[in-house]
């Protein structure tokens, strides 16, 4: 039986896989079997870590808001601020509050003072 060279489709498939793994190190970017295993692992890790990324950003926003509030020595703490924002039904989530805290602290101070004055 004559030798058959593997065809166009298999080579195209391997090339497509190698493009995904072009920035991997060593044999993980050159050997087809290793590339397939690394691709599966990379995609699984990316899927798993999306939720972790959301948690990390929320922690960052909370930390930023809390830091700005403490720096100003406002008599309201983070917990009461968020609670009163929800009670007054303001459409400000933690992400927006953190951006306000970084870019325009005076605006955050006025928001917190207005909340403090209306609740007491």
Protein backbone atom coordinates (compact mmCIF):
# COMPACT_ATOMS: atom_id res chain seq x y z
CA UNK A 1 0.00 0.00 0.00
CA UNK A 2 1.32 3.39 -0.89
CA UNK A 3 2.06 6.01 1.73
CA UNK A 4 -0.60 8.68 2.13
CA UNK A 5 0.40 12.18 3.03
CA UNK A 6 -1.97 13.82 5.46
CA UNK A 7 -4.00 16.39 3.71
CA UNK A 8 -4.86 20.03 3.68
CA UNK A 9 -7.58 19.91 6.34
CA UNK A 10 -5.38 18.37 9.06
CA UNK A 11 -2.60 20.88 8.41
CA UNK A 12 -5.07 23.75 8.49
CA UNK A 13 -6.47 22.48 11.81
CA UNK A 14 -2.99 22.27 13.36
CA UNK A 15 -2.10 25.74 12.09
CA UNK A 16 -5.24 27.18 13.65
CA UNK A 17 -4.39 25.56 17.00
CA UNK A 18 -0.80 26.85 16.80
CA UNK A 19 -2.05 30.40 16.30
CA UNK A 20 -3.87 30.15 19.63
CA UNK A 21 -0.74 28.92 21.40
CA UNK A 22 1.79 31.17 19.72
CA UNK A 23 2.69 32.98 22.94
CA UNK A 24 3.06 29.85 25.10
CA UNK A 25 6.56 28.79 26.21
CA UNK A 26 8.68 25.93 24.88
CA UNK A 27 7.04 22.80 23.57
CA UNK A 28 3.65 24.12 24.61
CA UNK A 29 3.77 26.34 21.54
CA UNK A 30 5.31 23.79 19.15
CA UNK A 31 4.00 20.30 19.88
CA UNK A 32 0.45 19.62 18.75
CA UNK A 33 -0.55 17.40 21.66
CA UNK A 34 0.83 19.81 24.23
CA UNK A 35 -0.83 22.72 22.46
CA UNK A 36 -4.24 21.02 22.63
CA UNK A 37 -3.84 20.26 26.35
CA UNK A 38 -2.65 23.79 27.13
CA UNK A 39 -5.52 25.28 25.12
CA UNK A 40 -8.07 23.28 27.10
CA UNK A 41 -6.44 24.33 30.36
CA UNK A 42 -6.18 28.00 29.36
CA UNK A 43 -9.82 28.23 28.31
CA UNK A 44 -10.97 26.46 31.50
CA UNK A 45 -8.92 28.86 33.65
CA UNK A 46 -10.27 31.87 31.79
CA UNK A 47 -13.83 30.69 32.30
CA UNK A 48 -13.26 30.01 35.99
CA UNK A 49 -11.50 33.31 36.70
CA UNK A 50 -14.15 35.56 35.22
CA UNK A 51 -16.15 35.33 38.46
CA UNK A 52 -13.02 35.95 40.50
CA UNK A 53 -12.33 39.06 38.47
CA UNK A 54 -15.78 40.42 39.28
CA UNK A 55 -15.14 39.81 43.00
CA UNK A 56 -11.75 41.54 42.84
CA UNK A 57 -13.15 44.63 41.18
CA UNK A 58 -15.97 44.89 43.71
CA UNK A 59 -13.42 44.71 46.56
CA UNK A 60 -11.36 47.41 44.86
CA UNK A 61 -14.38 49.71 44.52
CA UNK A 62 -15.34 49.22 48.17
CA UNK A 63 -11.78 49.94 49.29
CA UNK A 64 -11.60 53.13 47.24
CA UNK A 65 -14.91 54.47 48.52
CA UNK A 66 -14.03 53.63 52.11
CA UNK A 67 -10.60 55.27 51.83
CA UNK A 68 -12.00 58.54 50.51
CA UNK A 69 -14.71 58.62 53.17
CA UNK A 70 -12.22 58.00 55.98
CA UNK A 71 -9.79 60.57 54.59
CA UNK A 72 -12.40 63.32 54.78
CA UNK A 73 -13.32 62.45 58.39
CA UNK A 74 -17.02 62.36 57.54
CA UNK A 75 -19.09 61.17 60.46
CA UNK A 76 -20.68 58.54 58.22
CA UNK A 77 -18.94 55.24 57.54
CA UNK A 78 -19.03 53.10 54.38
CA UNK A 79 -21.74 50.79 55.66
CA UNK A 80 -24.13 53.62 56.54
CA UNK A 81 -23.38 55.44 53.29
CA UNK A 82 -24.32 52.43 51.13
CA UNK A 83 -27.34 51.69 53.31
CA UNK A 84 -28.65 55.25 53.01
CA UNK A 85 -28.00 55.32 49.26
CA UNK A 86 -30.23 52.26 48.89
CA UNK A 87 -32.87 53.69 51.23
CA UNK A 88 -33.06 56.90 49.19
CA UNK A 89 -33.12 54.80 45.98
CA UNK A 90 -30.21 56.61 44.35
CA UNK A 91 -29.01 54.88 41.22
CA UNK A 92 -25.35 54.87 42.21
CA UNK A 93 -23.63 51.54 42.34
CA UNK A 94 -20.19 50.91 43.86
CA UNK A 95 -18.41 51.23 40.52
CA UNK A 96 -19.82 54.70 39.88
CA UNK A 97 -19.18 55.78 43.47
CA UNK A 98 -15.56 54.62 43.21
CA UNK A 99 -15.08 56.61 39.99
CA UNK A 100 -16.59 59.68 41.64
CA UNK A 101 -14.33 59.14 44.66
CA UNK A 102 -11.22 59.12 42.48
CA UNK A 103 -12.07 61.77 39.91
CA UNK A 104 -14.16 64.24 41.92
CA UNK A 105 -13.96 63.86 45.69
CA UNK A 106 -15.97 67.00 46.35
CA UNK A 107 -18.93 65.44 44.58
CA UNK A 108 -18.72 62.37 46.84
CA UNK A 109 -18.50 64.65 49.87
CA UNK A 110 -21.64 66.51 48.83
CA UNK A 111 -23.49 63.24 48.20
CA UNK A 112 -22.53 61.90 51.63
CA UNK A 113 -23.37 65.20 53.37
CA UNK A 114 -26.78 65.40 51.69
CA UNK A 115 -27.52 61.83 52.71
CA UNK A 116 -26.38 62.58 56.26
CA UNK A 117 -28.48 65.75 56.53
CA UNK A 118 -31.69 64.17 55.19
CA UNK A 119 -31.54 61.02 57.32
CA UNK A 120 -30.98 62.77 60.66
